[in-house]
Amino acid sequence: MYVLGWFKLVSAVLAVLLLLIVYLWIWRSARRRETRFSSEAQRAIAFARVEAERLQSSTIEPVHLLLGLLHVPLPAIIKVLPPDSHQAIREEVKDHVGGGAIVNYRDDLPFSDDARRALVAAAREARGLSSRQIGAEHLMLGLLHSETSLAALILRERGLRLDPLRTALAGWQQ
């Protein structure tokens, strides 16, 4: 009888431990998939919304994300886009992006499909660089994934390429 009680106790403890292990595994897996934007990336996206409204766009486009990045004074951004080039970038965007319909301020200004693809690419870049957060530098990498967006063309005109920039950012993060 004593052995049977001991066996039940050990079985119960092992069952609890197994449940705890499964819970921790699920929790870690969910956290790995869950990627959040850093405060700098959130700031860049907020400024992208402002830039989209200023340029009277009905959606946030990749070029607005680029303009939003110019408001984030991170060393990684400043190193590849020095502040003296910011005004030239703004002028180039202004020349290419005509004002659309007059848009009232909206909290829910949607992202265009191209901007969504850039954000998804930024999340992939963050995961590829083993970062827990999507940073402003990952947003820049995400913009370079596009072949045809104005933002990618502007960045390429300034000599930025996806692979060398990714390598440089990986070196800066270490």
Protein backbone atom coordinates (compact mmCIF):
# COMPACT_ATOMS: atom_id res chain seq x y z
CA MET A 1 0.00 0.00 0.00
CA TYR A 2 2.86 2.32 0.89
CA VAL A 3 4.52 1.70 -2.53
CA LEU A 4 1.28 2.46 -4.35
CA GLY A 5 0.98 5.85 -2.59
CA TRP A 6 4.59 6.67 -3.42
CA PHE A 7 3.99 5.68 -7.07
CA LYS A 8 0.93 7.99 -7.28
CA LEU A 9 2.92 10.88 -5.81
CA VAL A 10 5.81 10.42 -8.24
CA SER A 11 3.35 10.11 -11.13
CA ALA A 12 1.60 13.33 -10.11
CA VAL A 13 4.90 15.21 -9.79
CA LEU A 14 6.05 13.95 -13.19
CA ALA A 15 2.72 14.95 -14.76
CA VAL A 16 3.02 18.46 -13.31
CA LEU A 17 6.61 18.73 -14.52
CA LEU A 18 5.61 17.56 -17.98
CA LEU A 19 2.81 20.14 -18.11
CA LEU A 20 5.22 22.84 -16.95
CA ILE A 21 7.74 21.89 -19.63
CA VAL A 22 5.05 21.95 -22.34
CA TYR A 23 3.78 25.31 -21.08
CA LEU A 24 7.28 26.81 -21.12
CA TRP A 25 7.96 25.43 -24.60
CA ILE A 26 4.72 26.96 -25.96
CA TRP A 27 5.42 30.25 -24.19
CA ARG A 28 8.98 30.47 -25.62
CA SER A 29 7.76 29.55 -29.11
CA ALA A 30 5.14 32.28 -28.98
CA ARG A 31 7.69 34.83 -27.77
CA ARG A 32 10.08 33.91 -30.59
CA ARG A 33 7.40 34.56 -33.18
CA GLU A 34 6.28 37.73 -31.45
CA THR A 35 8.42 40.53 -32.79
CA ARG A 36 7.79 44.05 -31.61
CA PHE A 37 8.82 47.40 -32.98
CA SER A 38 11.47 49.28 -31.04
CA SER A 39 10.65 52.76 -29.82
CA GLU A 40 12.74 54.23 -32.66
CA ALA A 41 10.86 52.16 -35.25
CA GLN A 42 7.54 53.18 -33.70
CA ARG A 43 8.67 56.79 -33.89
CA ALA A 44 9.65 56.38 -37.56
CA ILE A 45 6.25 54.86 -38.34
CA ALA A 46 4.48 57.68 -36.48
CA PHE A 47 6.45 60.23 -38.51
CA ALA A 48 5.64 58.25 -41.68
CA ARG A 49 1.97 58.80 -40.89
CA VAL A 50 2.62 62.54 -40.45
CA GLU A 51 4.56 62.67 -43.73
CA ALA A 52 1.76 60.82 -45.55
CA GLU A 53 -0.76 63.35 -44.27
CA ARG A 54 1.54 66.26 -45.14
CA LEU A 55 1.88 64.94 -48.69
CA GLN A 56 -1.90 64.39 -48.82
CA SER A 57 -1.69 60.66 -49.36
CA SER A 58 -4.60 58.37 -48.56
CA THR A 59 -2.21 55.57 -47.53
CA ILE A 60 1.20 55.24 -45.93
CA GLU A 61 3.62 54.31 -48.70
CA PRO A 62 7.24 53.07 -48.46
CA VAL A 63 8.47 56.56 -49.30
CA HIS A 64 6.66 57.87 -46.20
CA LEU A 65 8.45 55.22 -44.13
CA LEU A 66 11.73 56.50 -45.57
CA LEU A 67 10.80 60.07 -44.64
CA GLY A 68 9.85 58.83 -41.18
CA LEU A 69 13.29 57.25 -40.79
CA LEU A 70 14.88 60.65 -41.41
CA HIS A 71 13.32 61.80 -38.12
CA VAL A 72 15.08 59.07 -36.13
CA PRO A 73 18.64 60.11 -35.20
CA LEU A 74 20.07 56.62 -34.69
CA PRO A 75 23.79 56.15 -35.39
CA ALA A 76 23.02 53.28 -37.79
CA ILE A 77 20.68 55.53 -39.81
CA ILE A 78 22.90 58.63 -39.65
CA LYS A 79 25.92 56.61 -40.80
CA VAL A 80 24.22 55.57 -44.04
CA LEU A 81 22.01 58.65 -44.49
CA PRO A 82 23.91 61.64 -43.09
CA PRO A 83 21.79 64.61 -41.97
CA ASP A 84 23.11 66.78 -44.80
CA SER A 85 21.38 64.44 -47.29
CA HIS A 86 17.98 64.59 -45.59
CA GLN A 87 16.81 67.77 -47.28
CA ALA A 88 17.83 66.46 -50.70
CA ILE A 89 15.83 63.28 -50.04
CA ARG A 90 12.80 65.32 -48.97
CA GLU A 91 13.04 67.43 -52.13
CA GLU A 92 13.35 64.36 -54.33
CA VAL A 93 10.27 62.85 -52.73
CA LYS A 94 8.36 66.10 -53.11
CA ASP A 95 9.27 66.20 -56.82
CA HIS A 96 8.05 62.64 -57.42
CA VAL A 97 5.03 62.50 -55.13
CA GLY A 98 2.31 64.88 -56.10
CA GLY A 99 -0.36 65.85 -53.63
CA GLY A 100 -3.34 63.56 -53.76
CA ALA A 101 -6.79 64.22 -52.49
CA ILE A 102 -7.08 66.37 -49.41
CA VAL A 103 -7.07 63.94 -46.54
CA ASN A 104 -8.28 64.80 -43.07
CA TYR A 105 -6.20 63.67 -40.13
CA ARG A 106 -6.93 60.01 -39.39
CA ASP A 107 -5.57 57.76 -36.69
CA ASP A 108 -6.23 54.77 -38.90
CA LEU A 109 -4.40 55.86 -42.04
CA PRO A 110 -3.79 52.47 -43.71
CA PHE A 111 -0.52 51.10 -45.02
CA SER A 112 -0.34 50.43 -48.74
CA ASP A 113 0.42 46.90 -49.89
CA ASP A 114 4.01 47.94 -50.68
CA ALA A 115 4.46 49.45 -47.22
CA ARG A 116 3.06 46.28 -45.62
CA ARG A 117 5.52 44.20 -47.62
CA ALA A 118 8.35 46.47 -46.42
CA LEU A 119 7.24 46.02 -42.80
CA VAL A 120 7.06 42.24 -43.22
CA ALA A 121 10.53 42.27 -44.80
CA ALA A 122 11.76 44.37 -41.86
CA ALA A 123 10.40 41.76 -39.44
CA ARG A 124 12.18 39.02 -41.38
CA GLU A 125 15.41 41.02 -41.33
CA ALA A 126 15.13 41.50 -37.56
CA ARG A 127 14.62 37.78 -37.05
CA GLY A 128 17.47 37.01 -39.45
CA LEU A 129 19.77 39.24 -37.42
CA SER A 130 18.57 37.55 -34.20
CA SER A 131 16.97 40.72 -32.92
CA ARG A 132 13.99 40.54 -30.58
CA GLN A 133 12.67 43.86 -31.88
CA ILE A 134 12.18 45.39 -35.29
CA GLY A 135 14.40 48.45 -35.21
CA ALA A 136 14.55 51.48 -37.47
CA GLU A 137 17.57 49.94 -39.19
CA HIS A 138 15.47 46.87 -40.02
CA LEU A 139 12.86 49.18 -41.55
CA MET A 140 15.55 50.52 -43.84
CA LEU A 141 16.50 46.98 -44.85
CA GLY A 142 12.82 46.23 -45.44
CA LEU A 143 12.56 49.22 -47.78
CA LEU A 144 15.49 47.93 -49.83
CA HIS A 145 13.66 44.65 -50.52
CA SER A 146 11.46 46.38 -53.09
CA GLU A 147 12.63 46.54 -56.66
CA THR A 148 10.36 49.36 -57.76
CA SER A 149 9.36 51.57 -54.82
CA LEU A 150 10.51 55.17 -54.82
CA ALA A 151 12.01 54.71 -51.36
CA ALA A 152 14.19 51.82 -52.55
CA LEU A 153 15.25 53.77 -55.64
CA ILE A 154 16.23 56.79 -53.53
CA LEU A 155 18.25 54.59 -51.17
CA ARG A 156 19.97 52.83 -54.08
CA GLU A 157 20.83 56.20 -55.68
CA ARG A 158 22.73 56.94 -52.48
CA GLY A 159 24.72 53.72 -52.82
CA LEU A 160 22.81 51.57 -50.34
CA ARG A 161 22.45 47.90 -51.22
CA LEU A 162 20.66 45.24 -49.22
CA ASP A 163 23.44 42.71 -48.61
CA PRO A 164 26.25 45.15 -47.71
CA LEU A 165 23.93 47.13 -45.43
CA ARG A 166 22.71 43.94 -43.73
CA THR A 167 26.34 42.91 -43.15
CA ALA A 168 27.19 46.33 -41.74
CA LEU A 169 24.16 46.29 -39.44
CA ALA A 170 25.02 42.80 -38.20
CA GLY A 171 28.49 44.10 -37.35
CA TRP A 172 27.09 47.14 -35.51
CA GLN A 173 24.75 45.01 -33.41
CA GLN A 174 27.54 42.80 -32.07
